[in-house]
PDB file of N, CA and C in Angstrom:
ATOM      1  N   UNK A   1      73.621  10.333-100.678  1.00  0.00           N
ATOM      2  CA  UNK A   1      72.306  10.238-100.108  1.00  0.00           C
ATOM      3  C   UNK A   1      71.508   9.177-100.874  1.00  0.00           C
ATOM      4  N   UNK A   2      70.684   8.465-100.158  1.00  0.00           N
ATOM      5  CA  UNK A   2      69.942   7.352-100.753  1.00  0.00           C
ATOM      6  C   UNK A   2      68.975   7.787-101.853  1.00  0.00           C
ATOM      7  N   UNK A   3      68.367   8.941-101.696  1.00  0.00           N
ATOM      8  CA  UNK A   3      67.426   9.416-102.715  1.00  0.00           C
ATOM      9  C   UNK A   3      68.168   9.747-104.005  1.00  0.00           C
ATOM     10  N   UNK A   4      69.365  10.313-103.889  1.00  0.00           N
ATOM     11  CA  UNK A   4      70.154  10.649-105.073  1.00  0.00           C
ATOM     12  C   UNK A   4      70.471   9.414-105.912  1.00  0.00           C
ATOM     13  N   UNK A   5      70.530   8.269-105.293  1.00  0.00           N
ATOM     14  CA  UNK A   5      70.809   7.023-106.015  1.00  0.00           C
ATOM     15  C   UNK A   5      69.587   6.515-106.770  1.00  0.00           C
ATOM     16  N   UNK A   6      68.474   7.205-106.616  1.00  0.00           N
ATOM     17  CA  UNK A   6      67.215   6.790-107.253  1.00  0.00           C
ATOM     18  C   UNK A   6      66.621   7.981-108.012  1.00  0.00           C
ATOM     19  N   UNK A   7      67.189   8.322-109.164  1.00  0.00           N
ATOM     20  CA  UNK A   7      66.771   9.505-109.924  1.00  0.00           C
ATOM     21  C   UNK A   7      65.277   9.590-110.254  1.00  0.00           C
ATOM     22  N   UNK A   8      64.559   8.480-110.465  1.00  0.00           N
ATOM     23  CA  UNK A   8      63.129   8.634-110.768  1.00  0.00           C
ATOM     24  C   UNK A   8      62.323   9.291-109.637  1.00  0.00           C
ATOM     25  N   UNK A   9      62.893   9.386-108.447  1.00  0.00           N
ATOM     26  CA  UNK A   9      62.188  10.032-107.343  1.00  0.00           C
ATOM     27  C   UNK A   9      62.182  11.555-107.469  1.00  0.00           C
ATOM     28  N   UNK A  10      63.141  12.102-108.226  1.00  0.00           N
ATOM     29  CA  UNK A  10      63.248  13.557-108.275  1.00  0.00           C
ATOM     30  C   UNK A  10      63.475  14.149-109.666  1.00  0.00           C
ATOM     31  N   UNK A  11      63.905  13.349-110.627  1.00  0.00           N
ATOM     32  CA  UNK A  11      64.231  13.878-111.954  1.00  0.00           C
ATOM     33  C   UNK A  11      63.009  13.812-112.871  1.00  0.00           C
ATOM     34  N   UNK A  12      62.358  14.952-113.071  1.00  0.00           N
ATOM     35  CA  UNK A  12      61.140  15.014-113.863  1.00  0.00           C
ATOM     36  C   UNK A  12      61.369  14.732-115.339  1.00  0.00           C
ATOM     37  N   UNK A  13      62.611  14.768-115.788  1.00  0.00           N
ATOM     38  CA  UNK A  13      62.920  14.517-117.194  1.00  0.00           C
ATOM     39  C   UNK A  13      62.928  13.029-117.543  1.00  0.00           C
ATOM     40  N   UNK A  14      62.947  12.176-116.555  1.00  0.00           N
ATOM     41  CA  UNK A  14      62.939  10.731-116.807  1.00  0.00           C
ATOM     42  C   UNK A  14      61.510  10.238-116.988  1.00  0.00           C
ATOM     43  N   UNK A  15      61.338   9.299-117.907  1.00  0.00           N
ATOM     44  CA  UNK A  15      59.981   8.759-118.103  1.00  0.00           C
ATOM     45  C   UNK A  15      59.541   7.962-116.874  1.00  0.00           C
ATOM     46  N   UNK A  16      60.488   7.394-116.124  1.00  0.00           N
ATOM     47  CA  UNK A  16      60.169   6.634-114.917  1.00  0.00           C
ATOM     48  C   UNK A  16      59.601   7.514-113.808  1.00  0.00           C
ATOM     49  N   UNK A  17      59.849   8.826-113.907  1.00  0.00           N
ATOM     50  CA  UNK A  17      59.342   9.754-112.900  1.00  0.00           C
ATOM     51  C   UNK A  17      57.815   9.683-112.815  1.00  0.00           C
ATOM     52  N   UNK A  18      57.175   9.426-113.937  1.00  0.00           N
ATOM     53  CA  UNK A  18      55.706   9.363-113.974  1.00  0.00           C
ATOM     54  C   UNK A  18      55.162   7.994-113.588  1.00  0.00           C
ATOM     55  N   UNK A  19      56.038   7.014-113.437  1.00  0.00           N
ATOM     56  CA  UNK A  19      55.627   5.650-113.089  1.00  0.00           C
ATOM     57  C   UNK A  19      55.425   5.558-111.576  1.00  0.00           C
ATOM     58  N   UNK A  20      54.188   5.654-111.147  1.00  0.00           N
ATOM     59  CA  UNK A  20      53.854   5.661-109.716  1.00  0.00           C
ATOM     60  C   UNK A  20      54.298   4.378-109.015  1.00  0.00           C
ATOM     61  N   UNK A  21      54.145   3.230-109.678  1.00  0.00           N
ATOM     62  CA  UNK A  21      54.552   1.957-109.069  1.00  0.00           C
ATOM     63  C   UNK A  21      56.049   1.921-108.804  1.00  0.00           C
ATOM     64  N   UNK A  22      56.830   2.406-109.770  1.00  0.00           N
ATOM     65  CA  UNK A  22      58.285   2.416-109.590  1.00  0.00           C
ATOM     66  C   UNK A  22      58.665   3.350-108.451  1.00  0.00           C
ATOM     67  N   UNK A  23      58.049   4.526-108.402  1.00  0.00           N
ATOM     68  CA  UNK A  23      58.377   5.474-107.334  1.00  0.00           C
ATOM     69  C   UNK A  23      57.983   4.917-105.971  1.00  0.00           C
ATOM     70  N   UNK A  24      56.863   4.245-105.890  1.00  0.00           N
ATOM     71  CA  UNK A  24      56.459   3.615-104.621  1.00  0.00           C
ATOM     72  C   UNK A  24      57.490   2.577-104.191  1.00  0.00           C
ATOM     73  N   UNK A  25      57.954   1.779-105.162  1.00  0.00           N
ATOM     74  CA  UNK A  25      58.956   0.756-104.852  1.00  0.00           C
ATOM     75  C   UNK A  25      60.260   1.396-104.382  1.00  0.00           C
ATOM     76  N   UNK A  26      60.673   2.478-105.041  1.00  0.00           N
ATOM     77  CA  UNK A  26      61.918   3.156-104.662  1.00  0.00           C
ATOM     78  C   UNK A  26      61.797   3.807-103.277  1.00  0.00           C
ATOM     79  N   UNK A  27      60.643   4.420-102.991  1.00  0.00           N
ATOM     80  CA  UNK A  27      60.447   4.991-101.655  1.00  0.00           C
ATOM     81  C   UNK A  27      60.440   3.882-100.597  1.00  0.00           C
ATOM     82  N   UNK A  28      59.876   2.737-100.964  1.00  0.00           N
ATOM     83  CA  UNK A  28      59.875   1.589-100.050  1.00  0.00           C
ATOM     84  C   UNK A  28      61.311   1.191 -99.720  1.00  0.00           C
ATOM     85  N   UNK A  29      62.179   1.162-100.736  1.00  0.00           N
ATOM     86  CA  UNK A  29      63.599   0.830-100.518  1.00  0.00           C
ATOM     87  C   UNK A  29      64.254   1.840 -99.573  1.00  0.00           C
ATOM     88  N   UNK A  30      63.977   3.107 -99.795  1.00  0.00           N
ATOM     89  CA  UNK A  30      64.562   4.150 -98.946  1.00  0.00           C
ATOM     90  C   UNK A  30      64.082   3.982 -97.508  1.00  0.00           C
ATOM     91  N   UNK A  31      62.792   3.756 -97.340  1.00  0.00           N
ATOM     92  CA  UNK A  31      62.231   3.604 -95.995  1.00  0.00           C
ATOM     93  C   UNK A  31      62.816   2.388 -95.280  1.00  0.00           C
ATOM     94  N   UNK A  32      63.032   1.294 -96.012  1.00  0.00           N
ATOM     95  CA  UNK A  32      63.634   0.092 -95.399  1.00  0.00           C
ATOM     96  C   UNK A  32      65.020   0.396 -94.847  1.00  0.00           C
ATOM     97  N   UNK A  33      65.731   1.306 -95.487  1.00  0.00           N
ATOM     98  CA  UNK A  33      67.074   1.655 -95.030  1.00  0.00           C
ATOM     99  C   UNK A  33      67.052   2.480 -93.740  1.00  0.00           C
ATOM    100  N   UNK A  34      66.004   3.268 -93.550  1.00  0.00           N
ATOM    101  CA  UNK A  34      65.966   4.189 -92.416  1.00  0.00           C
ATOM    102  C   UNK A  34      65.145   3.685 -91.229  1.00  0.00           C
ATOM    103  N   UNK A  35      64.240   2.755 -91.465  1.00  0.00           N
ATOM    104  CA  UNK A  35      63.377   2.276 -90.379  1.00  0.00           C
ATOM    105  C   UNK A  35      63.595   0.783 -90.201  1.00  0.00           C
ATOM    106  N   UNK A  36      64.084   0.405 -89.010  1.00  0.00           N
ATOM    107  CA  UNK A  36      64.247  -1.019 -88.742  1.00  0.00           C
ATOM    108  C   UNK A  36      62.869  -1.673 -88.724  1.00  0.00           C
ATOM    109  N   UNK A  37      62.789  -2.886 -89.090  1.00  0.00           N
ATOM    110  CA  UNK A  37      61.575  -3.704 -89.196  1.00  0.00           C
ATOM    111  C   UNK A  37      60.489  -3.057 -90.069  1.00  0.00           C
ATOM    112  N   UNK A  38      60.882  -2.304 -91.078  1.00  0.00           N
ATOM    113  CA  UNK A  38      59.933  -1.637 -91.974  1.00  0.00           C
ATOM    114  C   UNK A  38      58.956  -2.626 -92.590  1.00  0.00           C
ATOM    115  N   UNK A  39      59.454  -3.765 -93.003  1.00  0.00           N
ATOM    116  CA  UNK A  39      58.609  -4.749 -93.688  1.00  0.00           C
ATOM    117  C   UNK A  39      57.490  -5.268 -92.798  1.00  0.00           C
ATOM    118  N   UNK A  40      57.719  -5.319 -91.483  1.00  0.00           N
ATOM    119  CA  UNK A  40      56.725  -5.858 -90.560  1.00  0.00           C
ATOM    120  C   UNK A  40      55.706  -4.816 -90.073  1.00  0.00           C
ATOM    121  N   UNK A  41      55.929  -3.553 -90.353  1.00  0.00           N
ATOM    122  CA  UNK A  41      55.033  -2.511 -89.856  1.00  0.00           C
ATOM    123  C   UNK A  41      53.670  -2.571 -90.550  1.00  0.00           C
ATOM    124  N   UNK A  42      52.606  -2.247 -89.815  1.00  0.00           N
ATOM    125  CA  UNK A  42      51.286  -2.142 -90.446  1.00  0.00           C
ATOM    126  C   UNK A  42      51.267  -0.967 -91.432  1.00  0.00           C
ATOM    127  N   UNK A  43      50.351  -1.004 -92.377  1.00  0.00           N
ATOM    128  CA  UNK A  43      50.284   0.013 -93.427  1.00  0.00           C
ATOM    129  C   UNK A  43      50.155   1.429 -92.859  1.00  0.00           C
ATOM    130  N   UNK A  44      49.393   1.594 -91.790  1.00  0.00           N
ATOM    131  CA  UNK A  44      49.193   2.921 -91.206  1.00  0.00           C
ATOM    132  C   UNK A  44      50.507   3.485 -90.672  1.00  0.00           C
ATOM    133  N   UNK A  45      51.289   2.658 -89.987  1.00  0.00           N
ATOM    134  CA  UNK A  45      52.580   3.114 -89.465  1.00  0.00           C
ATOM    135  C   UNK A  45      53.564   3.384 -90.601  1.00  0.00           C
ATOM    136  N   UNK A  46      53.510   2.557 -91.644  1.00  0.00           N
ATOM    137  CA  UNK A  46      54.382   2.793 -92.797  1.00  0.00           C
ATOM    138  C   UNK A  46      54.067   4.148 -93.411  1.00  0.00           C
ATOM    139  N   UNK A  47      52.795   4.465 -93.508  1.00  0.00           N
ATOM    140  CA  UNK A  47      52.390   5.736 -94.086  1.00  0.00           C
ATOM    141  C   UNK A  47      52.916   6.901 -93.244  1.00  0.00           C
ATOM    142  N   UNK A  48      52.759   6.802 -91.924  1.00  0.00           N
ATOM    143  CA  UNK A  48      53.226   7.866 -91.029  1.00  0.00           C
ATOM    144  C   UNK A  48      54.739   8.002 -91.071  1.00  0.00           C
ATOM    145  N   UNK A  49      55.440   6.894 -90.917  1.00  0.00           N
ATOM    146  CA  UNK A  49      56.902   6.935 -90.887  1.00  0.00           C
ATOM    147  C   UNK A  49      57.466   7.307 -92.259  1.00  0.00           C
ATOM    148  N   UNK A  50      56.837   6.818 -93.307  1.00  0.00           N
ATOM    149  CA  UNK A  50      57.275   7.166 -94.666  1.00  0.00           C
ATOM    150  C   UNK A  50      57.159   8.661 -94.911  1.00  0.00           C
ATOM    151  N   UNK A  51      56.082   9.261 -94.439  1.00  0.00           N
ATOM    152  CA  UNK A  51      55.900  10.710 -94.593  1.00  0.00           C
ATOM    153  C   UNK A  51      56.948  11.463 -93.791  1.00  0.00           C
ATOM    154  N   UNK A  52      57.273  10.991 -92.599  1.00  0.00           N
ATOM    155  CA  UNK A  52      58.313  11.637 -91.800  1.00  0.00           C
ATOM    156  C   UNK A  52      59.670  11.564 -92.496  1.00  0.00           C
ATOM    157  N   UNK A  53      59.979  10.407 -93.050  1.00  0.00           N
ATOM    158  CA  UNK A  53      61.245  10.256 -93.775  1.00  0.00           C
ATOM    159  C   UNK A  53      61.286  11.227 -94.944  1.00  0.00           C
ATOM    160  N   UNK A  54      60.198  11.280 -95.701  1.00  0.00           N
ATOM    161  CA  UNK A  54      60.118  12.190 -96.839  1.00  0.00           C
ATOM    162  C   UNK A  54      60.327  13.636 -96.386  1.00  0.00           C
ATOM    163  N   UNK A  55      59.677  14.026 -95.301  1.00  0.00           N
ATOM    164  CA  UNK A  55      59.802  15.397 -94.815  1.00  0.00           C
ATOM    165  C   UNK A  55      61.218  15.705 -94.331  1.00  0.00           C
ATOM    166  N   UNK A  56      61.868  14.749 -93.663  1.00  0.00           N
ATOM    167  CA  UNK A  56      63.247  14.959 -93.222  1.00  0.00           C
ATOM    168  C   UNK A  56      64.179  15.113 -94.421  1.00  0.00           C
ATOM    169  N   UNK A  57      63.971  14.300 -95.447  1.00  0.00           N
ATOM    170  CA  UNK A  57      64.800  14.402 -96.653  1.00  0.00           C
ATOM    171  C   UNK A  57      64.568  15.749 -97.322  1.00  0.00           C
ATOM    172  N   UNK A  58      63.305  16.141 -97.439  1.00  0.00           N
ATOM    173  CA  UNK A  58      62.980  17.435 -98.040  1.00  0.00           C
ATOM    174  C   UNK A  58      63.593  18.579 -97.239  1.00  0.00           C
ATOM    175  N   UNK A  59      63.511  18.501 -95.933  1.00  0.00           N
ATOM    176  CA  UNK A  59      64.102  19.521 -95.071  1.00  0.00           C
ATOM    177  C   UNK A  59      65.619  19.596 -95.276  1.00  0.00           C
ATOM    178  N   UNK A  60      66.265  18.439 -95.389  1.00  0.00           N
ATOM    179  CA  UNK A  60      67.709  18.406 -95.629  1.00  0.00           C
ATOM    180  C   UNK A  60      68.081  19.052 -96.951  1.00  0.00           C
ATOM    181  N   UNK A  61      67.297  18.781 -97.985  1.00  0.00           N
ATOM    182  CA  UNK A  61      67.557  19.379 -99.300  1.00  0.00           C
ATOM    183  C   UNK A  61      67.383  20.895 -99.225  1.00  0.00           C
ATOM    184  N   UNK A  62      66.332  21.329 -98.559  1.00  0.00           N
ATOM    185  CA  UNK A  62      66.089  22.768 -98.431  1.00  0.00           C
ATOM    186  C   UNK A  62      67.207  23.442 -97.640  1.00  0.00           C
ATOM    187  N   UNK A  63      67.700  22.791 -96.618  1.00  0.00           N
ATOM    188  CA  UNK A  63      68.792  23.340 -95.829  1.00  0.00           C
ATOM    189  C   UNK A  63      70.064  23.460 -96.665  1.00  0.00           C
ATOM    190  N   UNK A  64      70.359  22.436 -97.464  1.00  0.00           N
ATOM    191  CA  UNK A  64      71.533  22.498 -98.340  1.00  0.00           C
ATOM    192  C   UNK A  64      71.405  23.644 -99.341  1.00  0.00           C
ATOM    193  N   UNK A  65      70.202  23.844 -99.882  1.00  0.00           N
ATOM    194  CA  UNK A  65      69.985  24.943-100.821  1.00  0.00           C
ATOM    195  C   UNK A  65      70.171  26.294-100.129  1.00  0.00           C
ATOM    196  N   UNK A  66      69.666  26.415 -98.928  1.00  0.00           N
ATOM    197  CA  UNK A  66      69.805  27.663 -98.178  1.00  0.00           C
ATOM    198  C   UNK A  66      71.272  27.974 -97.904  1.00  0.00           C
ATOM    199  N   UNK A  67      72.029  26.974 -97.519  1.00  0.00           N
ATOM    200  CA  UNK A  67      73.467  27.162 -97.261  1.00  0.00           C
ATOM    201  C   UNK A  67      74.180  27.587 -98.542  1.00  0.00           C
ATOM    202  N   UNK A  68      73.846  26.933 -99.656  1.00  0.00           N
ATOM    203  CA  UNK A  68      74.457  27.283-100.943  1.00  0.00           C
ATOM    204  C   UNK A  68      74.167  28.740-101.303  1.00  0.00           C
ATOM    205  N   UNK A  69      72.892  29.149-101.168  1.00  0.00           N
ATOM    206  CA  UNK A  69      72.519  30.528-101.500  1.00  0.00           C
ATOM    207  C   UNK A  69      73.198  31.521-100.573  1.00  0.00           C
ATOM    208  N   UNK A  70      73.292  31.191 -99.296  1.00  0.00           N
ATOM    209  CA  UNK A  70      73.937  32.093 -98.337  1.00  0.00           C
ATOM    210  C   UNK A  70      75.413  32.259 -98.670  1.00  0.00           C
ATOM    211  N   UNK A  71      76.083  31.154 -99.008  1.00  0.00           N
ATOM    212  CA  UNK A  71      77.498  31.237 -99.358  1.00  0.00           C
ATOM    213  C   UNK A  71      77.704  32.048-100.631  1.00  0.00           C
ATOM    214  N   UNK A  72      76.822  31.870-101.605  1.00  0.00           N
ATOM    215  CA  UNK A  72      76.916  32.644-102.845  1.00  0.00           C
ATOM    216  C   UNK A  72      76.701  34.124-102.564  1.00  0.00           C
ATOM    217  N   UNK A  73      75.758  34.437-101.690  1.00  0.00           N
ATOM    218  CA  UNK A  73      75.476  35.827-101.325  1.00  0.00           C
ATOM    219  C   UNK A  73      76.683  36.459-100.638  1.00  0.00           C
ATOM    220  N   UNK A  74      77.257  35.753 -99.683  1.00  0.00           N
ATOM    221  CA  UNK A  74      78.436  36.265 -98.968  1.00  0.00           C
ATOM    222  C   UNK A  74      79.594  36.468 -99.936  1.00  0.00           C
ATOM    223  N   UNK A  75      79.782  35.521-100.855  1.00  0.00           N
ATOM    224  CA  UNK A  75      80.858  35.643-101.849  1.00  0.00           C
ATOM    225  C   UNK A  75      80.660  36.909-102.688  1.00  0.00           C
ATOM    226  N   UNK A  76      79.428  37.162-103.101  1.00  0.00           N
ATOM    227  CA  UNK A  76      79.122  38.349-103.897  1.00  0.00           C
ATOM    228  C   UNK A  76      79.383  39.617-103.109  1.00  0.00           C
ATOM    229  N   UNK A  77      78.937  39.649-101.865  1.00  0.00           N
ATOM    230  CA  UNK A  77      79.154  40.827-101.008  1.00  0.00           C
ATOM    231  C   UNK A  77      80.654  41.083-100.835  1.00  0.00           C
ATOM    232  N   UNK A  78      81.408  40.017-100.605  1.00  0.00           N
ATOM    233  CA  UNK A  78      82.847  40.173-100.399  1.00  0.00           C
ATOM    234  C   UNK A  78      83.521  40.718-101.655  1.00  0.00           C
ATOM    235  N   UNK A  79      83.150  40.183-102.813  1.00  0.00           N
ATOM    236  CA  UNK A  79      83.744  40.667-104.064  1.00  0.00           C
ATOM    237  C   UNK A  79      83.375  42.129-104.313  1.00  0.00           C
ATOM    238  N   UNK A  80      82.118  42.478-104.023  1.00  0.00           N
ATOM    239  CA  UNK A  80      81.698  43.868-104.209  1.00  0.00           C
ATOM    240  C   UNK A  80      82.430  44.805-103.244  1.00  0.00           C
ATOM    241  N   UNK A  81      82.683  44.338-102.044  1.00  0.00           N
ATOM    242  CA  UNK A  81      83.416  45.142-101.059  1.00  0.00           C
ATOM    243  C   UNK A  81      84.840  45.377-101.542  1.00  0.00           C
ATOM    244  N   UNK A  82      85.468  44.316-102.044  1.00  0.00           N
ATOM    245  CA  UNK A  82      86.827  44.459-102.558  1.00  0.00           C
ATOM    246  C   UNK A  82      86.866  45.425-103.731  1.00  0.00           C
ATOM    247  N   UNK A  83      85.876  45.335-104.608  1.00  0.00           N
ATOM    248  CA  UNK A  83      85.815  46.232-105.761  1.00  0.00           C
ATOM    249  C   UNK A  83      85.601  47.670-105.306  1.00  0.00           C
ATOM    250  N   UNK A  84      84.761  47.871-104.292  1.00  0.00           N
ATOM    251  CA  UNK A  84      84.507  49.210-103.769  1.00  0.00           C
ATOM    252  C   UNK A  84      85.777  49.816-103.191  1.00  0.00           C
ATOM    253  N   UNK A  85      86.510  49.052-102.414  1.00  0.00           N
ATOM    254  CA  UNK A  85      87.756  49.550-101.817  1.00  0.00           C
ATOM    255  C   UNK A  85      88.765  49.869-102.915  1.00  0.00           C
ATOM    256  N   UNK A  86      88.886  48.988-103.898  1.00  0.00           N
ATOM    257  CA  UNK A  86      89.842  49.200-104.994  1.00  0.00           C
ATOM    258  C   UNK A  86      89.473  50.452-105.784  1.00  0.00           C
ATOM    259  N   UNK A  87      88.199  50.578-106.123  1.00  0.00           N
ATOM    260  CA  UNK A  87      87.739  51.732-106.896  1.00  0.00           C
ATOM    261  C   UNK A  87      87.897  53.019-106.109  1.00  0.00           C
ATOM    262  N   UNK A  88      87.638  52.953-104.826  1.00  0.00           N
ATOM    263  CA  UNK A  88      87.779  54.164-104.012  1.00  0.00           C
ATOM    264  C   UNK A  88      89.216  54.660-104.006  1.00  0.00           C
ATOM    265  N   UNK A  89      90.168  53.755-104.027  1.00  0.00           N
ATOM    266  CA  UNK A  89      91.575  54.170-104.053  1.00  0.00           C
ATOM    267  C   UNK A  89      91.927  54.800-105.392  1.00  0.00           C
ATOM    268  N   UNK A  90      91.355  54.255-106.465  1.00  0.00           N
ATOM    269  CA  UNK A  90      91.628  54.800-107.794  1.00  0.00           C
ATOM    270  C   UNK A  90      91.029  56.194-107.974  1.00  0.00           C
ATOM    271  N   UNK A  91      89.907  56.447-107.356  1.00  0.00           N
ATOM    272  CA  UNK A  91      89.210  57.724-107.534  1.00  0.00           C
ATOM    273  C   UNK A  91      89.452  58.689-106.384  1.00  0.00           C
ATOM    274  N   UNK A  92      90.334  58.350-105.483  1.00  0.00           N
ATOM    275  CA  UNK A  92      90.666  59.167-104.311  1.00  0.00           C
ATOM    276  C   UNK A  92      89.476  59.392-103.388  1.00  0.00           C
ATOM    277  N   UNK A  93      88.526  58.487-103.396  1.00  0.00           N
ATOM    278  CA  UNK A  93      87.456  58.522-102.405  1.00  0.00           C
ATOM    279  C   UNK A  93      87.920  57.719-101.214  1.00  0.00           C
ATOM    280  N   UNK A  94      87.469  58.087-100.056  1.00  0.00           N
ATOM    281  CA  UNK A  94      87.891  57.347 -98.882  1.00  0.00           C
ATOM    282  C   UNK A  94      86.754  56.458 -98.398  1.00  0.00           C
ATOM    283  N   UNK A  95      86.992  55.158 -98.411  1.00  0.00           N
ATOM    284  CA  UNK A  95      86.030  54.184 -97.900  1.00  0.00           C
ATOM    285  C   UNK A  95      86.671  53.512 -96.709  1.00  0.00           C
ATOM    286  N   UNK A  96      85.963  53.446 -95.621  1.00  0.00           N
ATOM    287  CA  UNK A  96      86.487  52.791 -94.438  1.00  0.00           C
ATOM    288  C   UNK A  96      86.395  51.281 -94.655  1.00  0.00           C
ATOM    289  N   UNK A  97      87.495  50.680 -95.048  1.00  0.00           N
ATOM    290  CA  UNK A  97      87.515  49.260 -95.394  1.00  0.00           C
ATOM    291  C   UNK A  97      87.153  48.378 -94.213  1.00  0.00           C
ATOM    292  N   UNK A  98      87.557  48.769 -93.014  1.00  0.00           N
ATOM    293  CA  UNK A  98      87.241  47.952 -91.845  1.00  0.00           C
ATOM    294  C   UNK A  98      85.742  47.919 -91.583  1.00  0.00           C
ATOM    295  N   UNK A  99      85.076  49.073 -91.687  1.00  0.00           N
ATOM    296  CA  UNK A  99      83.631  49.090 -91.474  1.00  0.00           C
ATOM    297  C   UNK A  99      82.923  48.280 -92.555  1.00  0.00           C
ATOM    298  N   UNK A 100      83.385  48.423 -93.774  1.00  0.00           N
ATOM    299  CA  UNK A 100      82.790  47.658 -94.877  1.00  0.00           C
ATOM    300  C   UNK A 100      83.015  46.170 -94.652  1.00  0.00           C
ATOM    301  N   UNK A 101      84.199  45.833 -94.215  1.00  0.00           N
ATOM    302  CA  UNK A 101      84.520  44.437 -93.932  1.00  0.00           C
ATOM    303  C   UNK A 101      83.611  43.879 -92.839  1.00  0.00           C
ATOM    304  N   UNK A 102      83.372  44.667 -91.790  1.00  0.00           N
ATOM    305  CA  UNK A 102      82.549  44.180 -90.694  1.00  0.00           C
ATOM    306  C   UNK A 102      81.075  44.097 -91.073  1.00  0.00           C
ATOM    307  N   UNK A 103      80.649  44.897 -92.024  1.00  0.00           N
ATOM    308  CA  UNK A 103      79.277  44.747 -92.528  1.00  0.00           C
ATOM    309  C   UNK A 103      79.118  43.379 -93.173  1.00  0.00           C
ATOM    310  N   UNK A 104      80.122  42.960 -93.923  1.00  0.00           N
ATOM    311  CA  UNK A 104      80.089  41.642 -94.555  1.00  0.00           C
ATOM    312  C   UNK A 104      80.161  40.561 -93.488  1.00  0.00           C
ATOM    313  N   UNK A 105      81.030  40.748 -92.507  1.00  0.00           N
ATOM    314  CA  UNK A 105      81.201  39.729 -91.476  1.00  0.00           C
ATOM    315  C   UNK A 105      79.930  39.522 -90.663  1.00  0.00           C
ATOM    316  N   UNK A 106      79.160  40.587 -90.437  1.00  0.00           N
ATOM    317  CA  UNK A 106      77.967  40.435 -89.631  1.00  0.00           C
ATOM    318  C   UNK A 106      76.978  39.478 -90.274  1.00  0.00           C
ATOM    319  N   UNK A 107      77.020  39.333 -91.568  1.00  0.00           N
ATOM    320  CA  UNK A 107      76.145  38.400 -92.274  1.00  0.00           C
ATOM    321  C   UNK A 107      76.601  36.953 -92.104  1.00  0.00           C
ATOM    322  N   UNK A 108      77.848  36.773 -91.738  1.00  0.00           N
ATOM    323  CA  UNK A 108      78.419  35.433 -91.773  1.00  0.00           C
ATOM    324  C   UNK A 108      79.184  35.096 -90.508  1.00  0.00           C
ATOM    325  N   UNK A 109      78.833  35.718 -89.387  1.00  0.00           N
ATOM    326  CA  UNK A 109      79.606  35.461 -88.192  1.00  0.00           C
ATOM    327  C   UNK A 109      79.381  34.032 -87.709  1.00  0.00           C
ATOM    328  N   UNK A 110      80.332  33.525 -87.038  1.00  0.00           N
ATOM    329  CA  UNK A 110      80.331  32.161 -86.492  1.00  0.00           C
ATOM    330  C   UNK A 110      80.415  31.076 -87.562  1.00  0.00           C
ATOM    331  N   UNK A 111      80.716  31.432 -88.790  1.00  0.00           N
ATOM    332  CA  UNK A 111      80.818  30.407 -89.832  1.00  0.00           C
ATOM    333  C   UNK A 111      82.261  30.012 -90.094  1.00  0.00           C
ATOM    334  N   UNK A 112      83.195  30.687 -89.453  1.00  0.00           N
ATOM    335  CA  UNK A 112      84.598  30.314 -89.592  1.00  0.00           C
ATOM    336  C   UNK A 112      85.216  30.748 -90.902  1.00  0.00           C
ATOM    337  N   UNK A 113      84.632  31.710 -91.569  1.00  0.00           N
ATOM    338  CA  UNK A 113      85.175  32.155 -92.848  1.00  0.00           C
ATOM    339  C   UNK A 113      86.085  33.356 -92.643  1.00  0.00           C
ATOM    340  N   UNK A 114      87.067  33.471 -93.499  1.00  0.00           N
ATOM    341  CA  UNK A 114      87.969  34.613 -93.470  1.00  0.00           C
ATOM    342  C   UNK A 114      87.392  35.713 -94.346  1.00  0.00           C
ATOM    343  N   UNK A 115      87.435  36.928 -93.839  1.00  0.00           N
ATOM    344  CA  UNK A 115      86.909  38.060 -94.585  1.00  0.00           C
ATOM    345  C   UNK A 115      87.999  39.097 -94.833  1.00  0.00           C
ATOM    346  N   UNK A 116      89.204  38.622 -95.049  1.00  0.00           N
ATOM    347  CA  UNK A 116      90.269  39.562 -95.343  1.00  0.00           C
ATOM    348  C   UNK A 116      90.020  40.183 -96.710  1.00  0.00           C
ATOM    349  N   UNK A 117      90.065  41.484 -96.764  1.00  0.00           N
ATOM    350  CA  UNK A 117      89.823  42.187 -98.006  1.00  0.00           C
ATOM    351  C   UNK A 117      91.165  42.443 -98.670  1.00  0.00           C
ATOM    352  N   UNK A 118      91.244  42.107 -99.945  1.00  0.00           N
ATOM    353  CA  UNK A 118      92.478  42.311-100.690  1.00  0.00           C
ATOM    354  C   UNK A 118      92.598  43.774-101.115  1.00  0.00           C
ATOM    355  N   UNK A 119      93.606  44.446-100.591  1.00  0.00           N
ATOM    356  CA  UNK A 119      93.853  45.826-100.970  1.00  0.00           C
ATOM    357  C   UNK A 119      94.864  45.802-102.112  1.00  0.00           C
ATOM    358  N   UNK A 120      94.399  45.755-103.302  1.00  0.00           N
ATOM    359  CA  UNK A 120      95.271  45.569-104.481  1.00  0.00           C
ATOM    360  C   UNK A 120      96.292  46.645-104.625  1.00  0.00           C
TER     361      UNK A 120
END
């Protein structure tokens, strides 16, 4: 991603992060890549289109974070389900593995993931 190639736009630990002129120049570079004839646009249109680009990038980052958190959550649920089934066998408790499996699947349907539970 173009923003990732420009760490001063997002990395608060860099001294360049506080340099407003540098960040403006870097955002200008990003906008030139996404908007044809960016250099010829009036300042008002640059401001509007630049804000839209920023919002789309922010939305993309938020979506990636949401997907990451959802996958981590599903992974945790699946591991806990496997542990529950394993423990239930050790303690002679009966857990309906299929129902437990489908509870996990309902959180992640249509994602193409396998939810086979390992019966150790």
